[in-house]
């Protein structure tokens, strides 16, 4: 105990009381000095800090506060300089936009468009809360309709009422002077504005007589134009004089695309946009028969076999290939698989099959007489092929593709694309320029959209020569079957040229 007491005893007593306690002869345990649980604190600095925080202003745009503000501080009015032209209520509130306070609201697009159009049409609309009216509240209280649920008759009535109100307003004196700006603003109209209603003006006797005579002449001219047949000429034999000698035939009521010719007889099959296929005798110029399905024929072909010269195939605008028996005049077969107008018909494989192309960017191979596709050729990169020619050896097809190239397909069993032969360089996009072969098969020929006639070597696929033949599109070209150095071309400039 003596050692414990000596350890707690201070070396030097700071006061007489502590010295007395330490030196007390009492045998009881040593009493330690007492400590207060709530000592007296000087609150002078705390009062100064609270006063400083109470007078500290808050920035309305501040998102973080470093102290705990009171409710009065948070909702105190915004103080500071005001905009001279802004409303007092807007300038003194919590602004996050130069025009006022903007809040996010979840509004359906339909409801927003409804209120937006209603406000611009009638001058009132509902605010996002739906409890108040913005704008002119008087019409809304009397008629709560919007632009979407208002009847058309009410729209018309309100439009007429607004027009009458505008007309009832007195005009300033300057508006009656045509030289003033007010008169120009009131009387100007946009190019699509309707005519202003006014009293009809009666024609004089001279004007009435002139109008009646002009109407009679116009009606007579239109009647003659409707009844006049479209004509074409043919030259059965070569002319032996300087003047052209031919036969004129008429019968179509509209223009015609290309005209096929019967191989073994003197007959032609022109088809026209009057939806008729005329069977003409080229020697007499008489129409033998007419075939029609009510649709425009785009291509007409006869079966090249000697015993099937009476069978006619026509590619129509309604996606069908129609087969006629010219002896009976009846439709014997319809080939209906294409998804667009049929452009070409080409017989292959000893005339047992034929290939058709269409606006649906595909090639289809058919067995003659069987309306079932035996080969369907269509790729995503393919374009429409409005012109097809058969090679003289009957083993290849040349197809004019509208992506400015000529593609070669085999006419064997698989009808594959020959990727090693491709003829390009000309511009035919958008034009059904005819493609053709020389009689010996050594050259490929085609027109283009710039009036030129192109020649390629069949073996090397290189351009052989280019002739500038027409001012417009060179739409057709034919090689002379006997005189192999002569070529005939036709173009949109209305000229047929014979090149040597």
Protein backbone atom coordinates (compact mmCIF):
# COMPACT_ATOMS: atom_id res chain seq x y z
CA UNK A 1 0.00 0.00 0.00
CA UNK A 2 2.81 2.33 0.77
CA UNK A 3 4.24 1.76 -2.66
CA UNK A 4 0.82 2.35 -4.34
CA UNK A 5 0.30 5.51 -2.38
CA UNK A 6 3.73 6.74 -3.24
CA UNK A 7 3.10 6.11 -6.95
CA UNK A 8 -0.02 8.30 -6.92
CA UNK A 9 1.49 10.93 -4.71
CA UNK A 10 2.78 13.96 -6.60
CA UNK A 11 6.37 14.88 -6.34
CA UNK A 12 5.57 18.45 -5.45
CA UNK A 13 2.21 19.40 -3.95
CA UNK A 14 0.72 22.30 -5.81
CA UNK A 15 -1.55 23.39 -2.94
CA UNK A 16 -1.84 23.01 0.80
CA UNK A 17 -5.03 20.94 0.44
CA UNK A 18 -3.34 18.41 -1.84
CA UNK A 19 -0.39 18.30 0.55
CA UNK A 20 -2.72 17.68 3.44
CA UNK A 21 -4.48 14.87 1.64
CA UNK A 22 -1.23 13.26 0.66
CA UNK A 23 0.15 13.56 4.16
CA UNK A 24 -3.07 12.56 5.94
CA UNK A 25 -2.35 10.06 8.63
CA UNK A 26 -5.79 8.49 8.04
CA UNK A 27 -5.62 4.85 7.18
CA UNK A 28 -8.59 5.02 4.70
CA UNK A 29 -7.95 4.60 0.89
CA UNK A 30 -6.65 7.54 -1.04
CA UNK A 31 -9.39 9.77 -2.59
CA UNK A 32 -8.75 10.87 -6.19
CA UNK A 33 -9.63 14.44 -7.35
CA UNK A 34 -13.26 14.78 -8.61
CA UNK A 35 -14.15 15.63 -12.30
CA UNK A 36 -17.31 17.49 -13.52
CA UNK A 37 -19.45 15.74 -16.21
CA UNK A 38 -20.85 19.07 -17.53
CA UNK A 39 -18.17 21.64 -17.22
CA UNK A 40 -18.89 25.28 -17.92
CA UNK A 41 -18.20 26.22 -21.56
CA UNK A 42 -17.62 29.68 -22.97
CA UNK A 43 -20.32 30.11 -25.73
CA UNK A 44 -19.19 33.44 -27.02
CA UNK A 45 -17.62 31.99 -30.19
CA UNK A 46 -20.64 29.73 -30.82
CA UNK A 47 -23.03 32.66 -30.75
CA UNK A 48 -20.89 34.52 -33.25
CA UNK A 49 -20.85 31.46 -35.61
CA UNK A 50 -24.64 31.04 -35.44
CA UNK A 51 -25.17 34.69 -36.18
CA UNK A 52 -22.87 34.45 -39.20
CA UNK A 53 -24.72 31.40 -40.59
CA UNK A 54 -28.11 33.03 -40.12
CA UNK A 55 -27.08 36.03 -42.16
CA UNK A 56 -25.30 34.01 -44.88
CA UNK A 57 -27.18 34.20 -48.25
CA UNK A 58 -27.80 31.11 -50.41
CA UNK A 59 -27.31 30.88 -54.14
CA UNK A 60 -30.57 29.58 -55.78
CA UNK A 61 -28.56 27.67 -58.38
CA UNK A 62 -26.36 25.99 -55.73
CA UNK A 63 -26.81 22.23 -55.36
CA UNK A 64 -24.61 21.62 -52.29
CA UNK A 65 -24.71 23.47 -48.93
CA UNK A 66 -21.82 23.16 -46.46
CA UNK A 67 -23.99 23.85 -43.37
CA UNK A 68 -27.46 23.00 -42.14
CA UNK A 69 -29.73 25.85 -43.26
CA UNK A 70 -33.11 26.58 -41.76
CA UNK A 71 -36.41 26.48 -43.59
CA UNK A 72 -36.58 30.26 -43.61
CA UNK A 73 -33.24 30.39 -45.35
CA UNK A 74 -34.26 27.82 -47.99
CA UNK A 75 -37.56 29.48 -48.87
CA UNK A 76 -36.50 33.07 -48.54
CA UNK A 77 -37.25 35.27 -51.58
CA UNK A 78 -34.52 35.78 -54.12
CA UNK A 79 -32.92 39.16 -53.69
CA UNK A 80 -30.82 41.09 -56.10
CA UNK A 81 -31.05 43.29 -59.18
CA UNK A 82 -34.07 42.75 -61.44
CA UNK A 83 -34.27 42.77 -65.22
CA UNK A 84 -35.88 46.02 -66.37
CA UNK A 85 -38.11 44.29 -68.96
CA UNK A 86 -38.85 41.01 -67.15
CA UNK A 87 -42.07 40.52 -65.13
CA UNK A 88 -41.60 41.02 -61.40
CA UNK A 89 -43.11 37.63 -60.58
CA UNK A 90 -40.73 35.86 -62.92
CA UNK A 91 -37.64 37.82 -61.95
CA UNK A 92 -38.22 37.39 -58.21
CA UNK A 93 -38.82 33.62 -58.41
CA UNK A 94 -36.41 30.75 -58.78
CA UNK A 95 -35.15 31.14 -62.34
CA UNK A 96 -33.20 28.52 -64.29
CA UNK A 97 -33.83 30.06 -67.69
CA UNK A 98 -33.51 33.57 -68.98
CA UNK A 99 -37.27 33.63 -69.58
CA UNK A 100 -38.24 32.19 -66.20
CA UNK A 101 -38.35 28.82 -64.53
CA UNK A 102 -38.36 25.60 -66.54
CA UNK A 103 -39.41 22.26 -65.07
CA UNK A 104 -39.36 18.77 -66.55
CA UNK A 105 -42.76 17.19 -67.08
CA UNK A 106 -43.70 13.74 -68.43
CA UNK A 107 -46.25 14.43 -71.18
CA UNK A 108 -47.37 12.09 -73.95
CA UNK A 109 -46.51 13.33 -77.45
CA UNK A 110 -50.15 13.17 -78.52
CA UNK A 111 -51.31 15.27 -75.56
CA UNK A 112 -48.53 17.78 -76.14
CA UNK A 113 -49.41 18.14 -79.83
CA UNK A 114 -53.08 18.46 -78.94
CA UNK A 115 -52.52 21.30 -76.49
CA UNK A 116 -49.91 22.96 -78.72
CA UNK A 117 -52.21 23.02 -81.76
CA UNK A 118 -55.19 24.02 -79.64
CA UNK A 119 -53.29 26.98 -78.23
CA UNK A 120 -52.17 28.18 -81.66
CA UNK A 121 -55.61 27.59 -83.16
CA UNK A 122 -57.96 28.82 -80.41
CA UNK A 123 -55.66 30.72 -78.05
CA UNK A 124 -56.03 28.54 -74.95
CA UNK A 125 -54.54 25.31 -73.61
CA UNK A 126 -54.17 23.31 -70.39
CA UNK A 127 -51.02 23.51 -68.33
CA UNK A 128 -49.15 20.26 -67.48
CA UNK A 129 -50.99 19.94 -64.17
CA UNK A 130 -54.33 19.91 -65.97
CA UNK A 131 -55.92 22.18 -63.38
CA UNK A 132 -55.51 25.57 -65.00
CA UNK A 133 -56.01 27.16 -68.39
CA UNK A 134 -53.27 29.08 -70.14
CA UNK A 135 -54.27 31.83 -72.50
CA UNK A 136 -57.83 32.90 -73.21
CA UNK A 137 -59.86 31.04 -70.59
CA UNK A 138 -63.27 32.34 -71.63
CA UNK A 139 -63.67 30.16 -74.79
CA UNK A 140 -62.37 27.15 -72.89
CA UNK A 141 -64.95 27.59 -70.14
CA UNK A 142 -67.76 27.81 -72.69
CA UNK A 143 -66.47 25.16 -75.13
CA UNK A 144 -63.85 22.68 -73.84
CA UNK A 145 -63.16 21.18 -77.27
CA UNK A 146 -59.69 20.83 -78.74
CA UNK A 147 -58.54 20.69 -82.34
CA UNK A 148 -58.64 16.88 -82.32
CA UNK A 149 -62.16 16.29 -81.00
CA UNK A 150 -63.82 19.24 -82.67
CA UNK A 151 -66.26 18.38 -85.46
CA UNK A 152 -65.32 19.44 -89.01
CA UNK A 153 -68.46 21.55 -89.23
CA UNK A 154 -67.41 23.42 -86.11
CA UNK A 155 -63.95 23.98 -87.59
CA UNK A 156 -65.55 25.46 -90.69
CA UNK A 157 -67.91 27.62 -88.64
CA UNK A 158 -65.11 29.02 -86.53
CA UNK A 159 -62.96 29.68 -89.59
CA UNK A 160 -65.77 31.60 -91.27
CA UNK A 161 -66.48 33.46 -88.05
CA UNK A 162 -62.85 34.51 -87.76
CA UNK A 163 -62.87 35.62 -91.39
CA UNK A 164 -66.00 37.70 -90.81
CA UNK A 165 -64.49 39.25 -87.70
CA UNK A 166 -61.38 40.21 -89.65
CA UNK A 167 -63.49 41.76 -92.39
CA UNK A 168 -65.63 43.61 -89.85
CA UNK A 169 -62.64 45.37 -88.36
CA UNK A 170 -62.28 48.90 -89.71
CA UNK A 171 -59.34 49.33 -92.02
CA UNK A 172 -56.95 52.23 -91.67
CA UNK A 173 -57.14 54.88 -94.36
CA UNK A 174 -53.74 53.85 -95.71
CA UNK A 175 -55.06 50.35 -96.54
CA UNK A 176 -57.24 51.79 -99.32
CA UNK A 177 -54.29 53.30 -101.14
CA UNK A 178 -52.71 50.77 -103.57
CA UNK A 179 -49.40 52.59 -103.28
CA UNK A 180 -49.15 52.01 -99.52
CA UNK A 181 -47.47 49.12 -97.75
CA UNK A 182 -50.63 48.30 -95.78
CA UNK A 183 -52.56 47.69 -99.02
CA UNK A 184 -49.81 45.37 -100.31
CA UNK A 185 -49.80 43.33 -97.09
CA UNK A 186 -53.58 42.93 -97.16
CA UNK A 187 -53.85 41.99 -100.83
CA UNK A 188 -50.78 39.86 -101.49
CA UNK A 189 -51.34 36.14 -102.00
CA UNK A 190 -49.02 33.16 -102.13
CA UNK A 191 -48.71 31.24 -105.43
CA UNK A 192 -50.98 28.46 -104.10
CA UNK A 193 -53.66 30.73 -102.70
CA UNK A 194 -57.18 30.34 -104.02
CA UNK A 195 -58.95 32.88 -106.13
CA UNK A 196 -60.89 35.57 -104.38
CA UNK A 197 -64.62 35.22 -104.81
CA UNK A 198 -66.31 37.93 -106.78
CA UNK A 199 -69.29 38.58 -109.02
CA UNK A 200 -69.05 36.80 -112.39
CA UNK A 201 -68.32 39.03 -115.34
CA UNK A 202 -70.55 38.53 -118.37
CA UNK A 203 -68.90 38.16 -121.76
CA UNK A 204 -69.67 40.50 -124.55
CA UNK A 205 -71.26 39.24 -127.78
CA UNK A 206 -67.93 39.36 -129.58
CA UNK A 207 -66.16 37.44 -126.81
CA UNK A 208 -68.94 34.83 -126.70
CA UNK A 209 -68.81 34.23 -130.46
CA UNK A 210 -65.03 33.88 -130.37
CA UNK A 211 -65.18 31.39 -127.45
CA UNK A 212 -67.82 29.26 -129.20
CA UNK A 213 -65.85 29.15 -132.45
CA UNK A 214 -62.65 28.25 -130.63
CA UNK A 215 -64.38 25.46 -128.67
CA UNK A 216 -65.87 24.00 -131.87
CA UNK A 217 -62.48 23.97 -133.62
CA UNK A 218 -60.80 22.36 -130.61
CA UNK A 219 -63.45 19.63 -130.34
CA UNK A 220 -63.19 18.86 -134.07
CA UNK A 221 -59.41 18.64 -133.85
CA UNK A 222 -59.54 16.30 -130.84
CA UNK A 223 -62.09 14.07 -132.60
CA UNK A 224 -59.84 13.78 -135.65
CA UNK A 225 -56.83 12.97 -133.47
CA UNK A 226 -58.71 10.22 -131.62
CA UNK A 227 -59.95 8.60 -134.81
CA UNK A 228 -56.67 8.85 -136.72
CA UNK A 229 -54.84 5.47 -136.78
CA UNK A 230 -51.13 5.26 -136.04
CA UNK A 231 -49.11 4.38 -139.11
CA UNK A 232 -45.94 2.49 -139.88
CA UNK A 233 -44.03 1.62 -143.03
CA UNK A 234 -42.26 -1.47 -144.32
CA UNK A 235 -39.99 -2.07 -147.27
CA UNK A 236 -40.55 -5.62 -148.61
CA UNK A 237 -37.84 -5.16 -151.24
CA UNK A 238 -34.79 -2.96 -151.51
CA UNK A 239 -35.51 0.33 -153.31
CA UNK A 240 -33.98 0.72 -156.74
CA UNK A 241 -34.42 4.49 -157.07
CA UNK A 242 -33.49 7.48 -155.00
CA UNK A 243 -36.99 7.72 -153.59
CA UNK A 244 -38.19 5.40 -150.84
CA UNK A 245 -40.91 2.96 -151.77
CA UNK A 246 -42.95 1.33 -149.05
CA UNK A 247 -46.36 0.34 -147.75
CA UNK A 248 -48.18 2.31 -145.08
CA UNK A 249 -50.35 0.38 -142.64
CA UNK A 250 -52.64 1.75 -139.97
CA UNK A 251 -54.74 0.24 -137.24
CA UNK A 252 -53.28 1.05 -133.83
CA UNK A 253 -54.74 3.76 -131.66
CA UNK A 254 -51.51 4.39 -129.77
CA UNK A 255 -47.74 4.12 -130.12
CA UNK A 256 -45.92 0.80 -130.35
CA UNK A 257 -42.77 -0.76 -128.95
CA UNK A 258 -40.60 -3.03 -131.09
CA UNK A 259 -42.30 -5.10 -133.80
CA UNK A 260 -41.44 -8.77 -134.43
CA UNK A 261 -41.70 -10.42 -137.83
CA UNK A 262 -42.88 -13.88 -138.71
CA UNK A 263 -39.86 -15.85 -139.98
CA UNK A 264 -41.47 -17.91 -142.76
CA UNK A 265 -44.23 -15.61 -143.99
CA UNK A 266 -44.73 -11.98 -144.88
CA UNK A 267 -46.45 -10.99 -141.65
CA UNK A 268 -45.64 -8.76 -138.70
CA UNK A 269 -46.96 -8.52 -135.14
CA UNK A 270 -46.79 -4.94 -133.90
CA UNK A 271 -48.10 -4.35 -130.39
CA UNK A 272 -49.17 -1.00 -129.08
CA UNK A 273 -50.01 0.82 -125.90
CA UNK A 274 -53.66 0.56 -126.95
CA UNK A 275 -53.46 -2.98 -125.45
CA UNK A 276 -53.84 -4.70 -128.83
CA UNK A 277 -51.58 -7.03 -130.82
CA UNK A 278 -52.25 -6.64 -134.55
CA UNK A 279 -51.50 -9.50 -136.98
CA UNK A 280 -50.73 -7.75 -140.30
CA UNK A 281 -50.01 -8.97 -143.79
CA UNK A 282 -46.96 -7.02 -144.95
CA UNK A 283 -47.81 -7.37 -148.66
CA UNK A 284 -51.38 -6.09 -148.55
CA UNK A 285 -51.24 -4.01 -145.37
CA UNK A 286 -54.43 -5.61 -144.07
CA UNK A 287 -55.03 -6.63 -140.45
CA UNK A 288 -55.55 -10.39 -140.33
CA UNK A 289 -56.47 -10.69 -136.65
CA UNK A 290 -56.20 -8.89 -133.33
CA UNK A 291 -55.27 -10.31 -129.92
CA UNK A 292 -55.79 -8.59 -126.59
CA UNK A 293 -56.15 -9.35 -122.87
CA UNK A 294 -56.87 -5.79 -121.77
CA UNK A 295 -53.26 -5.25 -120.67
CA UNK A 296 -50.33 -3.61 -122.43
CA UNK A 297 -48.07 -6.13 -124.23
CA UNK A 298 -44.36 -5.34 -123.77
CA UNK A 299 -42.86 -8.16 -125.86
CA UNK A 300 -44.24 -10.51 -128.55
CA UNK A 301 -42.55 -13.69 -129.76
CA UNK A 302 -43.44 -16.51 -132.16
CA UNK A 303 -42.23 -20.05 -131.64
CA UNK A 304 -39.36 -20.48 -134.13
CA UNK A 305 -40.24 -24.12 -134.89
CA UNK A 306 -41.65 -24.71 -138.36
CA UNK A 307 -44.65 -26.65 -137.07
CA UNK A 308 -45.44 -24.09 -134.33
CA UNK A 309 -45.53 -20.86 -136.31
CA UNK A 310 -49.14 -20.32 -135.26
CA UNK A 311 -48.27 -20.07 -131.53
CA UNK A 312 -47.78 -16.55 -130.22
CA UNK A 313 -46.29 -15.57 -126.83
CA UNK A 314 -46.70 -12.09 -125.35
CA UNK A 315 -45.22 -10.66 -122.16
CA UNK A 316 -47.81 -8.42 -120.54
CA UNK A 317 -47.74 -5.57 -118.08
CA UNK A 318 -49.74 -7.65 -115.55
CA UNK A 319 -46.72 -9.97 -114.89
CA UNK A 320 -48.01 -12.76 -117.17
CA UNK A 321 -46.81 -14.46 -120.36
CA UNK A 322 -49.87 -15.26 -122.47
CA UNK A 323 -49.82 -17.94 -125.19
CA UNK A 324 -52.27 -17.69 -128.12
CA UNK A 325 -53.21 -20.11 -130.86
CA UNK A 326 -53.53 -17.80 -133.87
CA UNK A 327 -55.64 -20.31 -135.78
CA UNK A 328 -58.42 -20.32 -133.20
CA UNK A 329 -57.63 -16.98 -131.56
CA UNK A 330 -57.89 -18.57 -128.11
CA UNK A 331 -55.52 -18.35 -125.16
CA UNK A 332 -54.00 -21.80 -124.68
CA UNK A 333 -51.62 -21.15 -121.77
CA UNK A 334 -50.63 -18.53 -119.19
CA UNK A 335 -47.26 -18.40 -117.46
CA UNK A 336 -47.76 -16.51 -114.21
CA UNK A 337 -44.76 -16.45 -111.87
CA UNK A 338 -43.11 -13.05 -112.34
CA UNK A 339 -43.50 -10.23 -109.83
CA UNK A 340 -43.20 -7.42 -112.38
CA UNK A 341 -43.91 -6.57 -115.99
CA UNK A 342 -42.33 -9.01 -118.46
CA UNK A 343 -39.68 -7.41 -120.69
CA UNK A 344 -38.14 -10.13 -122.88
CA UNK A 345 -38.85 -13.64 -124.18
CA UNK A 346 -35.96 -15.67 -125.65
CA UNK A 347 -36.22 -19.26 -126.95
CA UNK A 348 -33.29 -21.59 -126.15
CA UNK A 349 -32.41 -25.30 -126.24
CA UNK A 350 -33.81 -26.01 -129.71
CA UNK A 351 -36.93 -23.98 -128.87
CA UNK A 352 -37.97 -26.41 -126.14
CA UNK A 353 -37.47 -23.77 -123.45
CA UNK A 354 -37.61 -20.02 -123.21
CA UNK A 355 -36.07 -17.46 -120.86
CA UNK A 356 -37.96 -14.39 -119.64
CA UNK A 357 -36.76 -11.28 -117.84
CA UNK A 358 -38.90 -8.91 -115.82
CA UNK A 359 -38.91 -5.71 -113.82
CA UNK A 360 -38.64 -7.88 -110.68
CA UNK A 361 -34.86 -8.19 -111.42
CA UNK A 362 -34.97 -11.89 -112.09
CA UNK A 363 -34.58 -14.40 -114.92
CA UNK A 364 -36.91 -17.40 -115.21
CA UNK A 365 -36.58 -20.42 -117.45
CA UNK A 366 -39.74 -22.23 -118.62
CA UNK A 367 -40.54 -25.41 -120.48
CA UNK A 368 -42.62 -24.49 -123.50
CA UNK A 369 -46.26 -25.33 -122.80
CA UNK A 370 -45.73 -26.00 -119.07
CA UNK A 371 -46.44 -23.03 -116.76
CA UNK A 372 -43.85 -24.08 -114.16
CA UNK A 373 -40.48 -22.40 -113.66
CA UNK A 374 -37.63 -24.87 -114.04
CA UNK A 375 -34.88 -22.37 -113.22
CA UNK A 376 -35.11 -19.21 -111.13
CA UNK A 377 -32.17 -16.78 -111.24
CA UNK A 378 -32.24 -13.92 -108.74
CA UNK A 379 -29.52 -12.40 -106.58
CA UNK A 380 -29.54 -9.38 -104.24
CA UNK A 381 -26.99 -7.61 -106.44
CA UNK A 382 -28.88 -8.20 -109.70
CA UNK A 383 -30.55 -5.41 -111.66
CA UNK A 384 -33.34 -5.49 -114.18
CA UNK A 385 -32.41 -6.83 -117.64
CA UNK A 386 -34.72 -5.25 -120.23
CA UNK A 387 -32.86 -6.59 -123.31
CA UNK A 388 -31.53 -10.09 -124.04
CA UNK A 389 -29.86 -11.51 -127.17
CA UNK A 390 -28.95 -15.08 -128.09
CA UNK A 391 -25.44 -15.90 -129.32
CA UNK A 392 -25.28 -17.34 -132.88
CA UNK A 393 -24.07 -20.68 -131.51
CA UNK A 394 -27.12 -20.78 -129.17
CA UNK A 395 -24.95 -21.60 -126.16
CA UNK A 396 -24.93 -18.18 -124.50
CA UNK A 397 -27.31 -15.38 -123.61
CA UNK A 398 -26.24 -11.73 -123.43
CA UNK A 399 -28.36 -9.76 -120.94
CA UNK A 400 -28.25 -5.95 -120.79
CA UNK A 401 -28.13 -5.17 -117.07
CA UNK A 402 -29.14 -1.71 -115.87
CA UNK A 403 -25.98 -1.44 -113.76
CA UNK A 404 -24.04 -0.57 -116.95
CA UNK A 405 -22.79 -4.00 -117.91
CA UNK A 406 -23.66 -6.93 -120.17
CA UNK A 407 -23.83 -10.31 -118.43
CA UNK A 408 -23.43 -13.66 -120.15
CA UNK A 409 -25.48 -16.72 -119.10
CA UNK A 410 -25.15 -20.27 -120.33
CA UNK A 411 -28.16 -21.87 -122.07
CA UNK A 412 -27.19 -25.36 -120.97
CA UNK A 413 -28.92 -27.29 -118.23
CA UNK A 414 -27.73 -25.17 -115.30
CA UNK A 415 -28.12 -21.68 -116.87
CA UNK A 416 -25.14 -20.35 -114.92
CA UNK A 417 -23.58 -16.90 -115.06
CA UNK A 418 -20.28 -16.84 -116.93
CA UNK A 419 -18.16 -14.76 -114.59
CA UNK A 420 -15.23 -14.69 -117.01
CA UNK A 421 -17.18 -12.74 -119.63
CA UNK A 422 -18.40 -9.29 -118.73
CA UNK A 423 -18.76 -6.32 -121.08
CA UNK A 424 -18.79 -2.86 -119.50
CA UNK A 425 -17.87 0.76 -120.16
CA UNK A 426 -21.13 2.07 -121.59
CA UNK A 427 -23.90 3.93 -119.73
CA UNK A 428 -27.34 2.30 -120.00
CA UNK A 429 -28.81 2.88 -116.54
CA UNK A 430 -32.48 3.67 -117.04
CA UNK A 431 -32.60 2.75 -120.76
CA UNK A 432 -33.59 -0.55 -122.39
CA UNK A 433 -30.79 -0.40 -124.97
CA UNK A 434 -30.71 -3.37 -127.30
CA UNK A 435 -27.77 -5.78 -127.21
CA UNK A 436 -26.82 -7.86 -130.25
CA UNK A 437 -24.19 -10.15 -131.79
CA UNK A 438 -22.40 -10.17 -135.10
CA UNK A 439 -23.50 -13.02 -137.42
CA UNK A 440 -20.24 -14.89 -136.79
CA UNK A 441 -20.40 -14.31 -133.01
CA UNK A 442 -17.04 -12.53 -132.82
CA UNK A 443 -18.38 -9.18 -131.63
CA UNK A 444 -20.95 -7.94 -129.12
CA UNK A 445 -22.82 -4.73 -129.91
CA UNK A 446 -24.94 -2.40 -127.78
CA UNK A 447 -26.25 1.15 -127.75
CA UNK A 448 -25.98 3.45 -124.75
CA UNK A 449 -27.66 6.43 -123.18
CA UNK A 450 -25.27 8.94 -124.77
CA UNK A 451 -26.02 8.07 -128.41
CA UNK A 452 -23.00 5.83 -129.02
CA UNK A 453 -22.83 2.30 -130.38
CA UNK A 454 -20.28 0.10 -128.61
CA UNK A 455 -18.48 -2.95 -129.98
CA UNK A 456 -16.61 -5.52 -127.86
CA UNK A 457 -14.52 -8.52 -128.82
CA UNK A 458 -16.31 -11.68 -127.68
CA UNK A 459 -13.16 -13.62 -126.88
CA UNK A 460 -11.16 -11.03 -124.93
CA UNK A 461 -14.12 -8.92 -123.63
CA UNK A 462 -12.21 -5.76 -124.60
CA UNK A 463 -13.76 -2.74 -126.23
CA UNK A 464 -13.18 -2.90 -129.96
CA UNK A 465 -14.72 0.36 -131.19
CA UNK A 466 -17.22 3.09 -130.32
CA UNK A 467 -19.30 5.02 -132.85
CA UNK A 468 -21.13 8.25 -132.06
CA UNK A 469 -24.38 7.67 -133.94
CA UNK A 470 -27.14 9.77 -132.34
CA UNK A 471 -27.67 12.94 -130.39
CA UNK A 472 -29.94 11.20 -127.90
CA UNK A 473 -30.19 7.64 -126.63
CA UNK A 474 -29.14 4.88 -129.04
CA UNK A 475 -31.95 2.47 -128.19
CA UNK A 476 -31.58 -0.17 -130.91
CA UNK A 477 -28.90 -1.76 -133.08
CA UNK A 478 -28.94 -4.56 -135.67
CA UNK A 479 -26.16 -6.28 -137.62
CA UNK A 480 -26.77 -6.98 -141.29
CA UNK A 481 -27.08 -10.78 -141.64
CA UNK A 482 -25.36 -10.92 -145.05
CA UNK A 483 -23.17 -7.83 -145.32
CA UNK A 484 -21.32 -8.20 -142.04
CA UNK A 485 -19.64 -4.81 -142.26
CA UNK A 486 -22.93 -2.88 -142.04
CA UNK A 487 -24.87 -1.99 -138.91
CA UNK A 488 -28.21 -0.20 -138.49
CA UNK A 489 -28.93 1.88 -135.37
CA UNK A 490 -31.91 3.87 -134.18
CA UNK A 491 -32.19 6.47 -131.45
CA UNK A 492 -34.50 8.76 -129.59
CA UNK A 493 -33.63 11.58 -131.95
CA UNK A 494 -35.98 10.00 -134.52
CA UNK A 495 -33.19 8.95 -136.89
CA UNK A 496 -32.23 5.51 -138.23
CA UNK A 497 -28.59 5.35 -139.32
CA UNK A 498 -26.91 2.77 -141.51
CA UNK A 499 -23.23 2.53 -140.58
CA UNK A 500 -20.57 0.93 -142.75
